């Protein structure tokens, strides 16, 4: 289980995250919603170790992430799909994918080959472009590559930040199908997304954030909770 308790993050004098607490369990998608600039991305970066919390605790299955570097957090089973995708320039699709294999602890040549082939079976478009430079892909293909690179590492926790931004509706449907597959595989998924209809359809629970704090939490299958969420984050 992912457990965040009374988390605080500062950027200089700016108090961006102000005491957030939340939980997420295996086989569960938890949506984190709110308007732009309320701290959602900073929350994700704090869990991934990209920014250092100034207070509170983050733990996965009882393993504290406090004071761990991003690479050590990754090796504890955390995959991060950031908003800008972070496709490595100059590397092919397959080379980008193979970087994701570094997260696996039980690696072998045969295992690596099987993992790559499994990704190509799931993402035939990436298989067709395996030798193409990753940054020459379309936006939707880059998003698929970013998610496939995380999946190939078999993480326990996946952090996904704004996966549908700027993508065509057909690609968005594919992206959320992948998120559903992560959930079915028993991964914990923490999802930040502005496309509420798609995000709520795949999420089990949600947290709404305003000014760096949780203002509402609920189950996505409860009509009243969904209505309260819409009201809470409307402009």
Protein backbone atom coordinates (compact mmCIF):
# COMPACT_ATOMS: atom_id res chain seq x y z
CA UNK A 1 0.00 0.00 0.00
CA UNK A 2 1.10 3.56 -0.71
CA UNK A 3 0.67 5.72 2.37
CA UNK A 4 1.29 9.46 2.45
CA UNK A 5 0.95 11.20 5.82
CA UNK A 6 0.89 14.95 6.46
CA UNK A 7 3.14 15.70 3.49
CA UNK A 8 4.61 19.18 3.08
CA UNK A 9 6.71 20.49 0.20
CA UNK A 10 8.26 23.94 -0.16
CA UNK A 11 9.83 25.64 -3.16
CA UNK A 12 11.84 28.26 -1.36
CA UNK A 13 9.33 30.31 0.60
CA UNK A 14 6.37 28.93 -1.36
CA UNK A 15 4.47 26.28 0.62
CA UNK A 16 3.18 24.15 -2.26
CA UNK A 17 2.00 20.97 -0.47
CA UNK A 18 0.36 21.70 2.86
CA UNK A 19 -0.25 18.54 4.86
CA UNK A 20 -1.61 16.07 2.28
CA UNK A 21 -2.48 12.56 3.48
CA UNK A 22 -3.73 9.79 1.18
CA UNK A 23 -3.65 6.04 0.64
CA UNK A 24 -3.74 3.77 -2.41
CA UNK A 25 -3.88 -0.01 -2.53
CA UNK A 26 -2.83 -2.72 -5.02
CA UNK A 27 -5.26 -3.13 -7.90
CA UNK A 28 -6.63 0.36 -7.34
CA UNK A 29 -6.56 3.55 -9.40
CA UNK A 30 -6.70 6.66 -7.23
CA UNK A 31 -7.41 9.94 -9.01
CA UNK A 32 -5.90 13.22 -7.81
CA UNK A 33 -7.90 16.14 -9.14
CA UNK A 34 -7.81 19.90 -8.92
CA UNK A 35 -7.29 23.06 -10.90
CA UNK A 36 -3.94 24.00 -12.41
CA UNK A 37 -1.28 25.06 -9.95
CA UNK A 38 -2.74 23.46 -6.80
CA UNK A 39 0.16 21.05 -6.24
CA UNK A 40 -0.83 17.84 -8.05
CA UNK A 41 2.38 17.48 -10.06
CA UNK A 42 4.49 18.43 -7.05
CA UNK A 43 2.79 15.65 -5.10
CA UNK A 44 3.74 13.13 -7.79
CA UNK A 45 7.32 14.39 -7.92
CA UNK A 46 7.60 14.11 -4.15
CA UNK A 47 6.52 10.45 -4.24
CA UNK A 48 9.02 9.76 -7.06
CA UNK A 49 11.80 11.55 -5.17
CA UNK A 50 12.18 14.32 -7.73
CA UNK A 51 11.53 16.95 -5.07
CA UNK A 52 12.41 16.72 -1.37
CA UNK A 53 9.52 16.97 1.13
CA UNK A 54 9.95 19.43 3.96
CA UNK A 55 7.76 17.39 6.29
CA UNK A 56 5.58 14.30 6.58
CA UNK A 57 6.11 10.72 5.39
CA UNK A 58 5.80 8.65 2.20
CA UNK A 59 5.93 4.85 2.36
CA UNK A 60 5.21 1.92 0.05
CA UNK A 61 4.43 -1.38 1.80
CA UNK A 62 6.00 0.04 4.94
CA UNK A 63 9.24 1.08 3.21
CA UNK A 64 9.88 4.75 3.93
CA UNK A 65 10.86 6.91 0.96
CA UNK A 66 12.05 9.76 3.15
CA UNK A 67 15.62 10.68 2.18
CA UNK A 68 15.78 8.10 -0.65
CA UNK A 69 17.13 9.19 -4.04
CA UNK A 70 14.92 8.86 -7.15
CA UNK A 71 16.89 5.86 -8.44
CA UNK A 72 16.46 3.98 -5.15
CA UNK A 73 12.74 4.78 -5.10
CA UNK A 74 12.52 3.45 -8.66
CA UNK A 75 14.21 0.22 -7.59
CA UNK A 76 11.66 -0.15 -4.81
CA UNK A 77 9.05 -0.57 -7.54
CA UNK A 78 7.89 2.94 -8.42
CA UNK A 79 7.34 3.94 -12.04
CA UNK A 80 6.69 7.56 -13.04
CA UNK A 81 5.09 8.74 -16.29
CA UNK A 82 5.60 12.52 -16.08
CA UNK A 83 3.55 15.07 -17.96
CA UNK A 84 6.41 15.80 -20.41
CA UNK A 85 7.01 12.02 -20.95
CA UNK A 86 10.83 12.33 -20.73
CA UNK A 87 11.56 10.35 -23.87
CA UNK A 88 15.36 10.21 -24.19
CA UNK A 89 16.51 12.10 -27.29
CA UNK A 90 18.85 10.26 -29.60
CA UNK A 91 17.72 6.84 -28.36
CA UNK A 92 15.54 4.50 -30.37
CA UNK A 93 12.18 3.21 -29.20
CA UNK A 94 13.76 -0.06 -28.14
CA UNK A 95 16.63 1.66 -26.34
CA UNK A 96 14.11 3.76 -24.40
CA UNK A 97 12.23 0.59 -23.48
CA UNK A 98 15.37 -1.22 -22.36
CA UNK A 99 16.11 1.57 -19.92
CA UNK A 100 12.87 0.59 -18.20
CA UNK A 101 14.28 -2.92 -17.67
CA UNK A 102 16.76 -1.46 -15.18
CA UNK A 103 13.93 -1.35 -12.64
CA UNK A 104 13.69 -5.16 -12.61
CA UNK A 105 15.64 -6.95 -9.88
CA UNK A 106 15.53 -10.45 -11.40
CA UNK A 107 17.04 -9.75 -14.79
CA UNK A 108 18.41 -12.23 -17.33
CA UNK A 109 18.96 -12.06 -21.07
CA UNK A 110 16.05 -14.39 -21.73
CA UNK A 111 13.86 -12.46 -19.30
CA UNK A 112 14.75 -9.14 -20.91
CA UNK A 113 13.95 -10.48 -24.39
CA UNK A 114 10.61 -11.85 -23.17
CA UNK A 115 9.74 -8.55 -21.47
CA UNK A 116 10.51 -6.53 -24.60
CA UNK A 117 8.53 -8.92 -26.78
CA UNK A 118 5.62 -8.73 -24.36
CA UNK A 119 5.58 -4.96 -24.75
CA UNK A 120 5.70 -5.23 -28.53
CA UNK A 121 2.81 -7.70 -28.47
CA UNK A 122 0.78 -5.19 -26.45
CA UNK A 123 1.98 -2.15 -28.45
CA UNK A 124 2.36 -3.23 -32.09
CA UNK A 125 2.79 0.40 -33.13
CA UNK A 126 5.96 0.59 -31.02
CA UNK A 127 7.16 -2.69 -32.53
CA UNK A 128 6.84 -1.16 -36.01
CA UNK A 129 8.93 1.81 -34.87
CA UNK A 130 11.43 -0.01 -32.65
CA UNK A 131 14.47 1.43 -34.48
CA UNK A 132 13.01 4.91 -34.85
CA UNK A 133 14.28 7.69 -32.58
CA UNK A 134 11.80 8.10 -29.73
CA UNK A 135 11.49 11.87 -30.03
CA UNK A 136 10.42 11.59 -33.69
CA UNK A 137 7.23 9.74 -32.70
CA UNK A 138 3.86 11.46 -32.63
CA UNK A 139 2.58 12.78 -29.30
CA UNK A 140 0.33 9.77 -28.80
CA UNK A 141 3.10 7.33 -29.67
CA UNK A 142 5.46 9.06 -27.25
CA UNK A 143 2.85 8.74 -24.50
CA UNK A 144 2.51 5.03 -25.28
CA UNK A 145 6.29 4.67 -25.16
CA UNK A 146 6.47 6.46 -21.81
CA UNK A 147 3.84 4.15 -20.34
CA UNK A 148 5.34 1.04 -21.93
CA UNK A 149 8.76 1.96 -20.53
CA UNK A 150 7.23 1.98 -17.04
CA UNK A 151 5.24 -1.23 -17.58
CA UNK A 152 8.28 -3.19 -18.73
CA UNK A 153 9.83 -2.66 -15.30
CA UNK A 154 6.88 -4.42 -13.59
CA UNK A 155 6.42 -1.71 -10.92
CA UNK A 156 4.23 -2.00 -7.84
CA UNK A 157 3.28 1.69 -7.95
CA UNK A 158 2.74 3.78 -11.09
CA UNK A 159 2.49 7.57 -10.99
CA UNK A 160 0.83 9.02 -14.10
CA UNK A 161 0.66 12.79 -14.63
CA UNK A 162 -1.77 14.19 -17.23
CA UNK A 163 -1.53 11.31 -19.75
CA UNK A 164 -4.24 12.57 -22.13
CA UNK A 165 -3.05 16.15 -22.55
CA UNK A 166 -2.98 17.19 -26.20
CA UNK A 167 -3.95 13.76 -27.56
CA UNK A 168 -6.69 12.75 -29.99
CA UNK A 169 -9.76 11.02 -28.46
CA UNK A 170 -8.87 7.65 -30.01
CA UNK A 171 -5.40 7.75 -28.46
CA UNK A 172 -6.88 8.85 -25.13
CA UNK A 173 -9.08 5.74 -25.14
CA UNK A 174 -5.98 3.58 -25.71
CA UNK A 175 -4.13 5.29 -22.86
CA UNK A 176 -6.94 4.68 -20.38
CA UNK A 177 -7.22 1.08 -21.54
CA UNK A 178 -3.56 0.70 -20.56
CA UNK A 179 -4.29 2.20 -17.13
CA UNK A 180 -7.09 -0.34 -16.69
CA UNK A 181 -4.62 -3.12 -17.54
CA UNK A 182 -2.23 -1.84 -14.87
CA UNK A 183 -5.06 -1.98 -12.37
CA UNK A 184 -5.99 -5.53 -13.42
CA UNK A 185 -2.34 -6.56 -13.04
CA UNK A 186 -2.52 -5.50 -9.38
CA UNK A 187 -0.46 -2.33 -9.63
CA UNK A 188 -1.21 0.73 -7.52
CA UNK A 189 -1.94 3.66 -9.85
CA UNK A 190 -1.92 7.29 -8.72
CA UNK A 191 -3.42 9.34 -11.55
CA UNK A 192 -3.43 13.10 -12.13
CA UNK A 193 -5.73 14.00 -15.02
CA UNK A 194 -7.83 16.95 -16.22
CA UNK A 195 -10.09 14.76 -18.39
CA UNK A 196 -12.50 13.98 -15.55
CA UNK A 197 -14.90 11.73 -17.45
CA UNK A 198 -12.13 9.36 -18.56
CA UNK A 199 -10.32 9.52 -15.23
CA UNK A 200 -13.41 8.84 -13.14
CA UNK A 201 -14.34 5.91 -15.37
CA UNK A 202 -11.08 4.13 -14.51
CA UNK A 203 -10.58 5.35 -10.92
CA UNK A 204 -11.83 3.63 -7.77
CA UNK A 205 -11.37 6.56 -5.41
CA UNK A 206 -10.36 10.20 -5.67
CA UNK A 207 -8.84 13.09 -3.77
CA UNK A 208 -9.51 16.73 -4.68
CA UNK A 209 -6.74 19.22 -3.94
CA UNK A 210 -6.93 22.97 -3.49
CA UNK A 211 -3.99 25.19 -2.46
CA UNK A 212 -1.84 22.19 -1.62
CA UNK A 213 -4.34 20.47 0.67
CA UNK A 214 -6.99 17.76 0.30
CA UNK A 215 -10.44 19.32 0.39
CA UNK A 216 -12.50 16.28 -0.61
CA UNK A 217 -12.11 12.50 -0.88
CA UNK A 218 -14.58 9.89 -2.06
CA UNK A 219 -15.53 6.81 -4.03
CA UNK A 220 -15.97 7.31 -7.76
CA UNK A 221 -18.97 4.95 -7.89
CA UNK A 222 -20.99 7.24 -5.61
CA UNK A 223 -23.04 9.79 -7.54
CA UNK A 224 -23.08 12.30 -4.68
CA UNK A 225 -19.31 12.14 -4.30
CA UNK A 226 -18.82 12.71 -8.03
CA UNK A 227 -21.14 15.72 -7.93
CA UNK A 228 -19.28 17.16 -4.94
CA UNK A 229 -16.02 16.69 -6.84
CA UNK A 230 -17.33 18.56 -9.87
CA UNK A 231 -18.42 21.43 -7.64
CA UNK A 232 -15.18 21.48 -5.68
CA UNK A 233 -12.83 21.81 -8.64
CA UNK A 234 -14.98 23.91 -10.98
CA UNK A 235 -13.58 27.31 -11.88
